């Protein structure tokens, strides 16, 4: 009786050993299959990520080029503007007459170079939906803290990302003179494309044909392109704007040009 019991014990141990070996072999094969399937499934994701990474590198290089066209000053521009341009109250007082140009618009108004948000505040008070874009992070943060719609970024990029004819009006005060000529022309072309039919654009800048206006132009060292009134009018007409008019303001120190997309 003893010997069969020993033989049976040995058989069980061998069987257990064989079972563990078999399970291990199966597990290794399953892992290899799973790893192979994961590699097959992940391959297009990895390739797509590599493509995305390259696009990010290209975009970064592109943004560096854009910043050369619309350079962010390495000075405290908010402090500079507060000293030389005027208080928020003064600017709102000067800009409030523009609101009538943008009443009863169905789509949004874009404020290019919104700064501290004076015009955006006027729009909000008038029940006009407006969005501001500015490259100055400090100005945008200040504007956002007022509960206004402001985005920090490049306006031409913003316009490119919007479908055509989705904007009712474009307003810009004391900003176009900060743009280099090629950048300005791209901005005007994009503005025309993105405005809806009968949309309006208003661009306010310094009148360099006026002695004080010329002095103010050179006062701000971040200015890039001097724009006599007739020159800006011509550039707007070149991209397609109609009924372009020049209006002098602030004792002829400044002026604005407005045009329509027909």
Protein backbone atom coordinates (compact mmCIF):
# COMPACT_ATOMS: atom_id res chain seq x y z
CA UNK A 1 0.00 0.00 0.00
CA UNK A 2 2.92 2.37 0.70
CA UNK A 3 4.61 2.20 -2.75
CA UNK A 4 1.53 3.10 -4.83
CA UNK A 5 0.99 6.10 -2.57
CA UNK A 6 4.57 7.30 -3.20
CA UNK A 7 4.17 6.79 -6.98
CA UNK A 8 0.92 8.72 -6.94
CA UNK A 9 2.62 11.58 -5.04
CA UNK A 10 5.41 11.74 -7.60
CA UNK A 11 2.92 11.81 -10.46
CA UNK A 12 1.06 14.70 -8.87
CA UNK A 13 4.29 16.68 -8.38
CA UNK A 14 5.28 16.07 -12.00
CA UNK A 15 1.83 17.04 -13.12
CA UNK A 16 1.94 20.26 -11.10
CA UNK A 17 5.40 21.08 -12.47
CA UNK A 18 4.23 20.43 -16.03
CA UNK A 19 1.13 22.55 -15.46
CA UNK A 20 3.18 25.55 -14.24
CA UNK A 21 5.57 25.16 -17.22
CA UNK A 22 2.65 24.98 -19.60
CA UNK A 23 0.95 28.03 -18.06
CA UNK A 24 4.21 29.98 -18.22
CA UNK A 25 4.70 29.08 -21.89
CA UNK A 26 1.13 30.10 -22.72
CA UNK A 27 1.53 33.36 -20.77
CA UNK A 28 4.75 34.23 -22.64
CA UNK A 29 3.07 33.57 -26.00
CA UNK A 30 0.06 35.64 -25.01
CA UNK A 31 2.35 38.52 -23.93
CA UNK A 32 4.19 38.37 -27.27
CA UNK A 33 0.88 38.45 -29.14
CA UNK A 34 -0.38 41.33 -27.02
CA UNK A 35 2.87 43.30 -27.48
CA UNK A 36 2.75 42.73 -31.24
CA UNK A 37 -0.87 43.91 -31.42
CA UNK A 38 -0.08 46.94 -29.28
CA UNK A 39 2.81 47.87 -31.60
CA UNK A 40 0.55 47.48 -34.66
CA UNK A 41 -2.21 49.57 -33.03
CA UNK A 42 0.21 52.21 -31.73
CA UNK A 43 2.17 52.65 -34.97
CA UNK A 44 -0.25 55.15 -36.59
CA UNK A 45 -0.59 57.00 -33.27
CA UNK A 46 3.19 57.29 -32.97
CA UNK A 47 3.50 58.47 -36.57
CA UNK A 48 0.73 60.98 -36.01
CA UNK A 49 2.41 62.24 -32.83
CA UNK A 50 5.69 62.63 -34.73
CA UNK A 51 3.78 64.67 -37.32
CA UNK A 52 2.21 66.79 -34.56
CA UNK A 53 5.62 67.33 -32.94
CA UNK A 54 7.04 68.54 -36.26
CA UNK A 55 4.05 70.85 -36.75
CA UNK A 56 4.64 72.32 -33.27
CA UNK A 57 8.29 72.91 -34.14
CA UNK A 58 7.28 74.56 -37.43
CA UNK A 59 4.64 76.66 -35.64
CA UNK A 60 7.17 77.79 -33.05
CA UNK A 61 9.56 78.86 -35.80
CA UNK A 62 6.70 80.55 -37.64
CA UNK A 63 5.66 82.45 -34.50
CA UNK A 64 9.21 83.71 -34.11
CA UNK A 65 8.97 85.14 -37.62
CA UNK A 66 5.58 86.71 -36.84
CA UNK A 67 6.95 88.37 -33.72
CA UNK A 68 9.56 90.02 -35.91
CA UNK A 69 6.67 91.55 -37.90
CA UNK A 70 4.75 92.64 -34.81
CA UNK A 71 7.38 92.82 -32.10
CA UNK A 72 6.33 92.89 -28.47
CA UNK A 73 8.28 95.75 -26.84
CA UNK A 74 10.77 94.86 -24.11
CA UNK A 75 9.55 97.73 -21.97
CA UNK A 76 6.67 98.14 -19.56
CA UNK A 77 4.33 99.27 -22.32
CA UNK A 78 1.36 99.53 -19.97
CA UNK A 79 3.29 102.08 -17.89
CA UNK A 80 4.36 103.89 -21.07
CA UNK A 81 0.77 104.02 -22.36
CA UNK A 82 -0.63 105.21 -19.04
CA UNK A 83 1.85 108.09 -19.04
CA UNK A 84 1.57 109.27 -22.65
CA UNK A 85 -1.75 108.12 -24.07
CA UNK A 86 -4.17 109.16 -21.34
CA UNK A 87 -6.36 107.64 -18.66
CA UNK A 88 -8.99 105.01 -19.36
CA UNK A 89 -11.69 107.59 -18.70
CA UNK A 90 -10.18 109.97 -21.28
CA UNK A 91 -9.87 107.25 -23.92
CA UNK A 92 -13.46 106.09 -23.41
CA UNK A 93 -14.63 109.65 -23.80
CA UNK A 94 -12.72 109.96 -27.08
CA UNK A 95 -13.95 106.62 -28.44
CA UNK A 96 -17.62 106.66 -27.46
CA UNK A 97 -18.76 108.24 -30.76
CA UNK A 98 -17.49 105.14 -32.64
CA UNK A 99 -20.20 103.00 -31.05
CA UNK A 100 -22.88 104.31 -33.43
CA UNK A 101 -21.00 102.75 -36.36
CA UNK A 102 -21.43 99.28 -34.85
CA UNK A 103 -25.00 99.27 -33.56
CA UNK A 104 -27.49 96.64 -34.77
CA UNK A 105 -24.80 94.26 -36.00
CA UNK A 106 -25.75 90.57 -35.98
CA UNK A 107 -22.26 89.11 -35.59
CA UNK A 108 -19.40 90.08 -33.31
CA UNK A 109 -17.15 93.14 -33.42
CA UNK A 110 -13.39 92.64 -33.30
CA UNK A 111 -11.26 95.17 -31.41
CA UNK A 112 -7.70 94.89 -32.74
CA UNK A 113 -5.12 96.00 -30.19
CA UNK A 114 -7.76 96.26 -27.47
CA UNK A 115 -5.24 97.40 -24.84
CA UNK A 116 -6.90 98.15 -21.51
CA UNK A 117 -10.34 97.42 -22.95
CA UNK A 118 -11.87 100.90 -23.19
CA UNK A 119 -13.70 100.23 -26.45
CA UNK A 120 -14.77 96.77 -25.28
CA UNK A 121 -16.34 98.40 -22.21
CA UNK A 122 -18.22 100.85 -24.41
CA UNK A 123 -19.49 97.96 -26.53
CA UNK A 124 -20.66 96.05 -23.48
CA UNK A 125 -22.50 99.09 -22.17
CA UNK A 126 -24.21 99.46 -25.56
CA UNK A 127 -25.20 95.79 -25.71
CA UNK A 128 -22.77 95.03 -28.55
CA UNK A 129 -20.92 91.71 -28.49
CA UNK A 130 -17.21 92.37 -29.01
CA UNK A 131 -13.95 90.45 -28.73
CA UNK A 132 -10.53 92.05 -28.27
CA UNK A 133 -7.13 90.78 -29.39
CA UNK A 134 -3.81 92.14 -28.15
CA UNK A 135 -0.21 90.91 -27.96
CA UNK A 136 0.35 92.53 -24.56
CA UNK A 137 -0.26 89.94 -21.82
CA UNK A 138 -0.57 92.55 -19.10
CA UNK A 139 -3.21 94.51 -21.00
CA UNK A 140 -5.19 91.38 -21.81
CA UNK A 141 -5.10 90.21 -18.19
CA UNK A 142 -6.32 93.62 -17.05
CA UNK A 143 -9.14 93.52 -19.61
CA UNK A 144 -10.16 89.98 -18.71
CA UNK A 145 -10.30 90.92 -15.03
CA UNK A 146 -13.02 93.42 -15.99
CA UNK A 147 -15.07 90.50 -17.31
CA UNK A 148 -14.50 91.49 -20.95
CA UNK A 149 -13.73 89.18 -23.88
CA UNK A 150 -10.03 89.53 -24.64
CA UNK A 151 -7.50 87.16 -26.19
CA UNK A 152 -3.72 87.43 -26.01
CA UNK A 153 -2.24 86.67 -29.39
CA UNK A 154 -1.46 87.61 -32.96
CA UNK A 155 -4.44 89.19 -34.73
CA UNK A 156 -3.60 87.79 -38.16
CA UNK A 157 -3.51 84.28 -36.71
CA UNK A 158 -6.85 84.95 -35.01
CA UNK A 159 -8.36 86.10 -38.31
CA UNK A 160 -7.01 83.13 -40.25
CA UNK A 161 -8.63 80.74 -37.78
CA UNK A 162 -12.06 82.33 -38.27
CA UNK A 163 -14.26 81.38 -41.23
CA UNK A 164 -14.88 84.01 -43.90
CA UNK A 165 -17.67 86.56 -43.41
CA UNK A 166 -18.13 85.81 -39.70
CA UNK A 167 -17.34 89.29 -38.32
CA UNK A 168 -19.71 92.27 -38.48
CA UNK A 169 -17.17 95.00 -37.77
CA UNK A 170 -13.49 95.59 -37.05
CA UNK A 171 -12.24 98.45 -34.91
CA UNK A 172 -8.65 99.40 -34.20
CA UNK A 173 -7.40 102.50 -32.40
CA UNK A 174 -3.74 103.48 -32.40
CA UNK A 175 -2.55 100.01 -33.49
CA UNK A 176 -1.91 99.88 -37.26
CA UNK A 177 1.11 102.17 -36.89
CA UNK A 178 2.70 99.41 -34.77
CA UNK A 179 2.57 96.98 -37.72
CA UNK A 180 5.25 96.61 -40.34
CA UNK A 181 3.98 97.20 -43.86
CA UNK A 182 3.78 93.56 -45.03
CA UNK A 183 2.04 92.55 -41.81
CA UNK A 184 -0.37 95.47 -42.20
CA UNK A 185 -1.24 94.42 -45.75
CA UNK A 186 -1.89 90.84 -44.59
CA UNK A 187 -4.10 92.23 -41.83
CA UNK A 188 -6.14 94.34 -44.26
CA UNK A 189 -6.61 91.42 -46.66
CA UNK A 190 -7.70 89.10 -43.85
CA UNK A 191 -9.99 91.77 -42.42
CA UNK A 192 -11.73 92.07 -45.79
CA UNK A 193 -12.13 88.29 -46.11
CA UNK A 194 -13.51 87.80 -42.61
CA UNK A 195 -15.99 90.68 -42.60
CA UNK A 196 -19.55 89.86 -43.55
CA UNK A 197 -21.18 91.60 -46.48
CA UNK A 198 -21.77 95.29 -45.59
CA UNK A 199 -19.36 94.86 -42.67
CA UNK A 200 -17.43 97.94 -41.57
CA UNK A 201 -13.81 98.53 -40.63
CA UNK A 202 -12.54 101.58 -38.70
CA UNK A 203 -8.83 102.24 -38.24
CA UNK A 204 -7.69 105.12 -36.06
CA UNK A 205 -4.09 106.28 -36.10
CA UNK A 206 -1.82 109.32 -35.80
CA UNK A 207 -1.97 112.07 -38.38
CA UNK A 208 1.70 112.52 -39.21
CA UNK A 209 0.84 115.43 -41.55
CA UNK A 210 0.06 117.36 -38.36
CA UNK A 211 3.05 118.66 -36.37
CA UNK A 212 1.76 117.35 -33.03
CA UNK A 213 0.67 114.10 -34.65
CA UNK A 214 4.16 113.62 -36.07
CA UNK A 215 5.67 114.37 -32.68
CA UNK A 216 3.39 111.78 -31.07
CA UNK A 217 4.39 109.24 -33.69
CA UNK A 218 8.07 109.49 -32.79
CA UNK A 219 7.29 109.70 -29.09
CA UNK A 220 6.39 105.99 -29.12
CA UNK A 221 9.52 104.04 -30.02
CA UNK A 222 7.48 100.91 -30.81
CA UNK A 223 5.86 102.51 -33.86
CA UNK A 224 6.79 100.78 -37.12
CA UNK A 225 4.97 102.38 -40.07
CA UNK A 226 4.05 106.06 -40.51
CA UNK A 227 0.71 106.26 -42.30
CA UNK A 228 -0.40 109.55 -43.85
CA UNK A 229 -4.21 109.56 -44.23
CA UNK A 230 -4.23 109.18 -48.02
CA UNK A 231 -1.77 106.30 -47.80
CA UNK A 232 -3.93 104.27 -45.41
CA UNK A 233 -6.99 105.04 -47.53
CA UNK A 234 -5.18 103.75 -50.61
CA UNK A 235 -4.08 100.52 -48.87
CA UNK A 236 -7.65 99.82 -47.75
CA UNK A 237 -9.00 100.39 -51.24
CA UNK A 238 -6.31 98.12 -52.68
CA UNK A 239 -7.64 95.10 -50.77
CA UNK A 240 -11.23 95.80 -51.81
CA UNK A 241 -12.86 98.13 -49.29
CA UNK A 242 -15.42 100.54 -50.75
CA UNK A 243 -16.71 103.98 -49.74
CA UNK A 244 -13.45 104.59 -47.87
CA UNK A 245 -13.48 107.92 -46.03
CA UNK A 246 -11.00 109.89 -43.92
CA UNK A 247 -12.13 111.79 -40.81
CA UNK A 248 -9.89 114.05 -38.72
CA UNK A 249 -10.31 113.96 -34.94
CA UNK A 250 -8.66 115.37 -31.81
CA UNK A 251 -7.81 118.73 -33.39
CA UNK A 252 -6.38 116.95 -36.47
CA UNK A 253 -3.74 115.22 -34.34
CA UNK A 254 -5.37 111.87 -35.11
CA UNK A 255 -7.64 110.57 -37.85
CA UNK A 256 -9.61 107.48 -38.69
CA UNK A 257 -10.38 105.80 -41.97
CA UNK A 258 -13.50 103.69 -42.42
CA UNK A 259 -14.58 101.45 -45.23
CA UNK A 260 -17.24 98.91 -46.15
CA UNK A 261 -17.23 95.44 -47.62
CA UNK A 262 -19.89 95.53 -50.32
